[in-house]
Protein backbone atom coordinates (compact mmCIF):
# COMPACT_ATOMS: atom_id res chain seq x y z
CA UNK A 1 -2.22 19.27 30.95
CA UNK A 2 -3.31 21.31 27.96
CA UNK A 3 -5.00 19.33 25.20
CA UNK A 4 -3.31 19.61 21.83
CA UNK A 5 -2.57 17.50 18.80
CA UNK A 6 0.51 17.04 16.67
CA UNK A 7 0.02 15.80 13.11
CA UNK A 8 2.66 13.60 11.50
CA UNK A 9 2.10 13.74 7.78
CA UNK A 10 2.63 11.61 4.69
CA UNK A 11 5.04 8.87 5.76
CA UNK A 12 7.90 11.35 5.61
CA UNK A 13 8.43 11.91 9.31
CA UNK A 14 9.02 8.40 10.53
CA UNK A 15 9.55 6.13 7.58
CA UNK A 16 11.30 6.75 4.27
CA UNK A 17 9.14 4.48 2.13
CA UNK A 18 8.96 6.50 -1.09
CA UNK A 19 11.75 4.65 -2.88
CA UNK A 20 10.21 1.26 -2.06
CA UNK A 21 6.79 2.38 -3.25
CA UNK A 22 8.12 3.70 -6.58
CA UNK A 23 10.21 0.57 -7.21
CA UNK A 24 7.25 -1.69 -6.32
CA UNK A 25 5.00 0.21 -8.75
CA UNK A 26 7.59 -0.06 -11.53
CA UNK A 27 8.07 -3.77 -10.80
CA UNK A 28 4.32 -4.45 -10.98
CA UNK A 29 4.09 -2.61 -14.31
CA UNK A 30 7.17 -4.31 -15.78
CA UNK A 31 5.61 -7.70 -14.97
CA UNK A 32 2.80 -6.69 -17.34
CA UNK A 33 5.09 -5.60 -20.15
CA UNK A 34 5.35 -1.88 -19.40
CA UNK A 35 8.90 -0.61 -19.88
CA UNK A 36 9.34 1.76 -16.92
CA UNK A 37 11.68 2.52 -14.04
CA UNK A 38 11.21 3.66 -10.47
CA UNK A 39 12.74 7.03 -11.48
CA UNK A 40 10.04 7.46 -14.15
CA UNK A 41 7.35 6.57 -11.62
CA UNK A 42 8.80 9.05 -9.10
CA UNK A 43 9.06 11.84 -11.69
CA UNK A 44 5.66 11.34 -13.28
CA UNK A 45 3.36 9.90 -10.65
CA UNK A 46 4.60 10.60 -7.12
CA UNK A 47 1.60 11.60 -5.02
CA UNK A 48 -0.90 10.27 -7.55
CA UNK A 49 -3.09 7.22 -7.16
CA UNK A 50 -2.51 3.79 -8.69
CA UNK A 51 -5.68 4.43 -10.70
CA UNK A 52 -3.97 7.48 -12.30
CA UNK A 53 -0.86 5.41 -13.10
CA UNK A 54 -2.85 2.56 -14.66
CA UNK A 55 -5.11 4.95 -16.62
CA UNK A 56 -2.02 6.72 -18.02
CA UNK A 57 -0.47 3.47 -19.24
CA UNK A 58 -3.81 2.24 -20.57
CA UNK A 59 -4.03 5.38 -22.73
CA UNK A 60 -0.47 4.86 -23.95
CA UNK A 61 -0.99 1.16 -24.72
CA UNK A 62 -4.38 1.49 -26.35
CA UNK A 63 -7.36 -0.88 -26.16
CA UNK A 64 -5.33 -4.02 -26.92
CA UNK A 65 -3.05 -3.77 -23.92
CA UNK A 66 -5.23 -2.66 -21.03
CA UNK A 67 -3.91 -3.13 -17.52
CA UNK A 68 -6.08 -4.47 -14.69
CA UNK A 69 -6.07 -1.95 -11.81
CA UNK A 70 -6.74 -4.58 -9.12
CA UNK A 71 -4.03 -6.90 -10.42
CA UNK A 72 -1.41 -4.16 -10.70
CA UNK A 73 -2.31 -2.87 -7.23
CA UNK A 74 -2.10 -6.36 -5.72
CA UNK A 75 1.28 -6.99 -7.38
CA UNK A 76 2.54 -3.60 -6.21
CA UNK A 77 1.54 -4.40 -2.62
CA UNK A 78 3.33 -7.75 -2.73
CA UNK A 79 6.45 -6.16 -4.24
CA UNK A 80 6.36 -3.33 -1.67
CA UNK A 81 6.15 -5.74 1.25
CA UNK A 82 9.04 -7.79 -0.16
CA UNK A 83 11.22 -4.75 -0.90
CA UNK A 84 10.55 -2.92 2.36
CA UNK A 85 10.57 -5.89 4.74
CA UNK A 86 13.19 -5.23 7.39
CA UNK A 87 14.49 -2.14 5.63
CA UNK A 88 12.09 0.54 6.83
CA UNK A 89 13.98 2.73 9.22
CA UNK A 90 13.13 5.64 11.43
CA UNK A 91 14.24 8.80 9.71
CA UNK A 92 16.63 11.07 11.55
CA UNK A 93 14.80 13.82 13.33
CA UNK A 94 11.63 11.87 14.14
CA UNK A 95 12.64 11.41 17.78
CA UNK A 96 13.74 15.05 18.01
CA UNK A 97 10.44 16.27 16.58
CA UNK A 98 8.39 14.19 19.04
CA UNK A 99 10.61 15.19 21.98
CA UNK A 100 10.27 18.89 21.08
CA UNK A 101 6.48 18.60 20.97
CA UNK A 102 6.52 16.86 24.37
CA UNK A 103 8.85 19.52 25.81
CA UNK A 104 6.38 22.22 24.71
CA UNK A 105 3.80 20.61 26.96
CA UNK A 106 1.85 18.66 24.39
CA UNK A 107 0.59 15.32 25.69
CA UNK A 108 -1.79 14.24 22.92
CA UNK A 109 -0.61 13.22 19.50
CA UNK A 110 -2.46 12.29 16.32
CA UNK A 111 -0.43 10.09 13.99
CA UNK A 112 -1.61 10.17 10.39
CA UNK A 113 0.49 8.78 7.54
CA UNK A 114 -0.53 8.92 3.90
CA UNK A 115 -0.72 5.14 3.52
CA UNK A 116 -1.43 4.39 7.19
CA UNK A 117 -4.71 2.66 6.35
CA UNK A 118 -2.76 0.02 4.41
CA UNK A 119 0.69 -0.07 6.04
CA UNK A 120 -0.22 0.13 9.71
CA UNK A 121 3.27 -0.76 10.92
CA UNK A 122 4.52 2.75 10.11
CA UNK A 123 1.98 4.41 12.38
CA UNK A 124 2.50 1.76 15.04
CA UNK A 125 6.22 2.56 15.11
CA UNK A 126 5.45 6.25 15.52
CA UNK A 127 2.96 5.43 18.30
CA UNK A 128 5.58 3.39 20.16
CA UNK A 129 7.99 6.30 19.91
CA UNK A 130 5.36 8.74 21.24
CA UNK A 131 4.48 6.42 24.16
CA UNK A 132 8.17 5.96 24.94
CA UNK A 133 8.67 9.74 25.10
CA UNK A 134 5.69 10.16 27.42
CA UNK A 135 2.61 11.16 25.44
CA UNK A 136 -0.49 10.18 27.41
CA UNK A 137 -2.88 10.14 24.45
CA UNK A 138 -1.67 8.61 21.19
CA UNK A 139 -4.22 8.28 18.39
CA UNK A 140 -3.30 6.53 15.14
CA UNK A 141 -5.38 6.93 12.02
CA UNK A 142 -5.41 3.22 11.18
CA UNK A 143 -7.08 2.48 14.52
CA UNK A 144 -9.30 5.56 14.76
CA UNK A 145 -10.59 5.68 11.21
CA UNK A 146 -9.12 3.11 8.80
CA UNK A 147 -10.19 4.90 5.62
CA UNK A 148 -8.22 5.44 2.44
CA UNK A 149 -8.99 9.17 2.32
CA UNK A 150 -6.22 11.06 4.11
CA UNK A 151 -8.09 14.24 5.05
CA UNK A 152 -11.15 12.63 6.63
CA UNK A 153 -8.96 10.01 8.36
CA UNK A 154 -6.67 12.77 9.61
CA UNK A 155 -9.52 14.97 10.82
CA UNK A 156 -11.06 12.10 12.78
CA UNK A 157 -7.70 11.16 14.32
CA UNK A 158 -6.94 14.75 15.38
CA UNK A 159 -10.40 15.07 16.97
CA UNK A 160 -9.82 11.78 18.80
CA UNK A 161 -6.42 12.95 20.08
CA UNK A 162 -7.90 16.26 21.22
CA UNK A 163 -11.13 15.04 22.82
CA UNK A 164 -10.14 11.71 24.38
CA UNK A 165 -8.22 13.28 27.32
CA UNK A 166 -11.04 15.76 27.96
CA UNK A 167 -13.69 13.02 27.94
CA UNK A 168 -11.49 10.76 30.08
CA UNK A 169 -11.17 13.53 32.73
CA UNK A 170 -14.93 14.15 32.64
CA UNK A 171 -15.77 10.46 33.08
CA UNK A 172 -13.22 10.16 35.90
CA UNK A 173 -14.74 13.21 37.63
CA UNK A 174 -18.30 11.88 37.33
CA UNK A 175 -17.16 8.47 38.50
CA UNK A 176 -15.40 9.90 41.57
CA UNK A 177 -18.50 11.88 42.57
CA UNK A 178 -20.78 8.85 42.19
CA UNK A 179 -18.94 5.98 43.83
CA UNK A 180 -20.50 2.58 43.31
CA UNK A 181 -22.60 3.71 40.36
CA UNK A 182 -21.58 1.87 37.21
CA UNK A 183 -20.96 4.16 34.24
CA UNK A 184 -21.44 2.78 30.76
CA UNK A 185 -19.55 4.82 28.17
């Protein structure tokens, strides 16, 4: 088995959650008197942080109508969970992509989604798919390194997917050559 890692990126491979996220953001802002739509959020803020969204509207509204970042974020999360519950679906092609990687001989996979630290179900669904197809090492970012920052979380998850099989083989080899000796790793 050759060690390798496949990186799933930005929620787009397994789950189409963009529309729910934009609508939830718009809903949280409308609850605070901001006249906006999910299309405006998608056009102006897709890929930007909630902090950027709130700062933009705070500049537009002036000092008298400041929005609370924590409150808007909390309301967005509640709206997202309500909107997406039961509706998240595997996107076409996810199974094909994972099967192709497996057919190429890859057996380790790193699963890293943009919002995986917060919405762990997305990565868990991808992990189940990878296990079902036959990957022997499946590392998810929300379990390996539950950080908000995508790049550092992704790097750590890829390293885990790459090194875990190598370390497992090494420990198994040492263990087989030293029967009866307890190994503490």
